[in-house]
């Protein structure tokens, strides 16, 4: 995802979203769950499962 698109999506959620809601942000490239979860876990030094 382009960084500018990500910033716009997060800004829109912060400014117009509702508390407690989840928002999915995506682009045109399919991404499996593992390809998303592993880098996120690595960023927080979470152990693999």
N, C-alpha and C. Protein backbone atom coordinates (compact mmCIF):
# COMPACT_ATOMS: atom_id res chain seq x y z
N UNK A 1 0.85 -1.16 0.00
CA UNK A 1 0.00 0.00 0.00
C UNK A 1 0.90 1.23 0.00
N UNK A 2 0.53 2.16 -0.78
CA UNK A 2 1.23 3.44 -0.84
C UNK A 2 1.12 4.15 0.50
N UNK A 3 2.21 4.73 0.97
CA UNK A 3 2.21 5.40 2.26
C UNK A 3 1.20 6.53 2.37
N UNK A 4 1.06 7.31 1.29
CA UNK A 4 0.08 8.41 1.31
C UNK A 4 -1.34 7.88 1.45
N UNK A 5 -1.63 6.76 0.77
CA UNK A 5 -2.96 6.16 0.88
C UNK A 5 -3.22 5.67 2.30
N UNK A 6 -2.19 5.08 2.91
CA UNK A 6 -2.34 4.59 4.28
C UNK A 6 -2.60 5.75 5.24
N UNK A 7 -1.89 6.83 5.06
CA UNK A 7 -2.08 8.01 5.91
C UNK A 7 -3.49 8.57 5.75
N UNK A 8 -3.96 8.64 4.51
CA UNK A 8 -5.33 9.14 4.28
C UNK A 8 -6.37 8.22 4.93
N UNK A 9 -6.15 6.92 4.84
CA UNK A 9 -7.11 5.97 5.42
C UNK A 9 -7.13 6.08 6.94
N UNK A 10 -5.97 6.16 7.55
CA UNK A 10 -5.92 6.28 9.01
C UNK A 10 -6.51 7.61 9.46
N UNK A 11 -6.21 8.67 8.75
CA UNK A 11 -6.77 9.98 9.09
C UNK A 11 -8.29 9.97 8.99
N UNK A 12 -8.81 9.34 7.93
CA UNK A 12 -10.27 9.26 7.77
C UNK A 12 -10.90 8.49 8.92
N UNK A 13 -10.26 7.39 9.34
CA UNK A 13 -10.79 6.61 10.45
C UNK A 13 -10.74 7.39 11.76
N UNK A 14 -9.64 8.11 11.97
CA UNK A 14 -9.52 8.90 13.21
C UNK A 14 -10.52 10.05 13.26
N UNK A 15 -10.72 10.70 12.13
CA UNK A 15 -11.59 11.89 12.10
C UNK A 15 -13.07 11.53 11.96
N UNK A 16 -13.39 10.44 11.29
CA UNK A 16 -14.80 10.13 11.04
C UNK A 16 -15.26 8.79 11.56
N UNK A 17 -14.33 8.03 12.17
CA UNK A 17 -14.69 6.71 12.67
C UNK A 17 -15.41 6.77 14.00
N UNK A 18 -15.88 5.62 14.41
CA UNK A 18 -16.57 5.51 15.69
C UNK A 18 -15.72 4.68 16.65
N UNK A 19 -15.73 5.03 17.89
CA UNK A 19 -14.97 4.29 18.90
C UNK A 19 -15.41 2.84 18.93
N UNK A 20 -14.44 1.94 19.02
CA UNK A 20 -14.74 0.52 19.11
C UNK A 20 -14.92 -0.18 17.78
N UNK A 21 -14.84 0.55 16.69
CA UNK A 21 -15.02 -0.04 15.36
C UNK A 21 -13.67 -0.38 14.76
N UNK A 22 -13.64 -1.39 13.91
CA UNK A 22 -12.43 -1.77 13.18
C UNK A 22 -12.60 -1.38 11.73
N UNK A 23 -11.52 -0.98 11.09
CA UNK A 23 -11.54 -0.56 9.70
C UNK A 23 -10.46 -1.31 8.93
N UNK A 24 -10.84 -1.90 7.83
CA UNK A 24 -9.89 -2.61 6.98
C UNK A 24 -9.39 -1.66 5.90
N UNK A 25 -8.09 -1.64 5.73
CA UNK A 25 -7.45 -0.81 4.72
C UNK A 25 -6.73 -1.75 3.76
N UNK A 26 -6.97 -1.60 2.48
CA UNK A 26 -6.37 -2.53 1.51
C UNK A 26 -6.02 -1.82 0.22
N UNK A 27 -5.20 -2.51 -0.58
CA UNK A 27 -4.92 -2.04 -1.92
C UNK A 27 -5.29 -3.15 -2.90
N UNK A 28 -4.74 -3.14 -4.07
CA UNK A 28 -5.12 -4.11 -5.09
C UNK A 28 -4.33 -5.41 -5.04
N UNK A 29 -3.43 -5.56 -4.08
CA UNK A 29 -2.60 -6.75 -4.00
C UNK A 29 -3.10 -7.67 -2.89
N UNK A 30 -3.47 -8.91 -3.24
CA UNK A 30 -3.92 -9.85 -2.19
C UNK A 30 -2.79 -10.12 -1.20
N UNK A 31 -3.15 -10.28 0.06
CA UNK A 31 -2.17 -10.54 1.11
C UNK A 31 -2.76 -11.56 2.07
N UNK A 32 -2.09 -12.67 2.23
CA UNK A 32 -2.55 -13.69 3.16
C UNK A 32 -2.40 -13.24 4.60
N UNK A 33 -3.11 -13.92 5.48
CA UNK A 33 -3.08 -13.56 6.90
C UNK A 33 -1.66 -13.65 7.46
N UNK A 34 -0.94 -14.71 7.13
CA UNK A 34 0.41 -14.87 7.64
C UNK A 34 1.34 -13.76 7.21
N UNK A 35 1.18 -13.33 5.96
CA UNK A 35 2.03 -12.25 5.44
C UNK A 35 1.75 -10.93 6.15
N UNK A 36 0.60 -10.82 6.75
CA UNK A 36 0.25 -9.61 7.50
C UNK A 36 0.64 -9.75 8.98
N UNK A 37 0.32 -10.90 9.55
CA UNK A 37 0.50 -11.09 10.99
C UNK A 37 1.97 -11.21 11.37
N UNK A 38 2.78 -11.91 10.56
CA UNK A 38 4.19 -12.08 10.92
C UNK A 38 4.93 -10.75 11.08
N UNK A 39 4.86 -9.84 10.11
CA UNK A 39 5.56 -8.55 10.30
C UNK A 39 5.01 -7.76 11.49
N UNK A 40 3.70 -7.84 11.73
CA UNK A 40 3.14 -7.13 12.87
C UNK A 40 3.67 -7.73 14.17
N UNK A 41 3.73 -9.06 14.26
CA UNK A 41 4.27 -9.72 15.45
C UNK A 41 5.74 -9.37 15.63
N UNK A 42 6.49 -9.37 14.54
CA UNK A 42 7.91 -9.00 14.61
C UNK A 42 8.11 -7.59 15.14
N UNK A 43 7.23 -6.69 14.73
CA UNK A 43 7.35 -5.30 15.17
C UNK A 43 7.19 -5.16 16.67
N UNK A 44 6.46 -6.11 17.28
CA UNK A 44 6.24 -6.06 18.73
C UNK A 44 7.03 -7.14 19.47
N UNK A 45 7.98 -7.76 18.74
CA UNK A 45 8.80 -8.84 19.33
C UNK A 45 7.95 -9.95 19.94
N UNK A 46 6.80 -10.23 19.32
CA UNK A 46 5.93 -11.32 19.78
C UNK A 46 6.48 -12.65 19.25
N UNK A 47 6.40 -13.69 20.04
CA UNK A 47 6.90 -14.98 19.58
C UNK A 47 5.99 -15.57 18.49
N UNK A 48 6.57 -16.34 17.57
CA UNK A 48 5.74 -16.99 16.54
C UNK A 48 4.86 -18.07 17.16
N UNK A 49 3.75 -18.32 16.56
CA UNK A 49 2.84 -19.38 17.05
C UNK A 49 2.64 -20.41 15.99
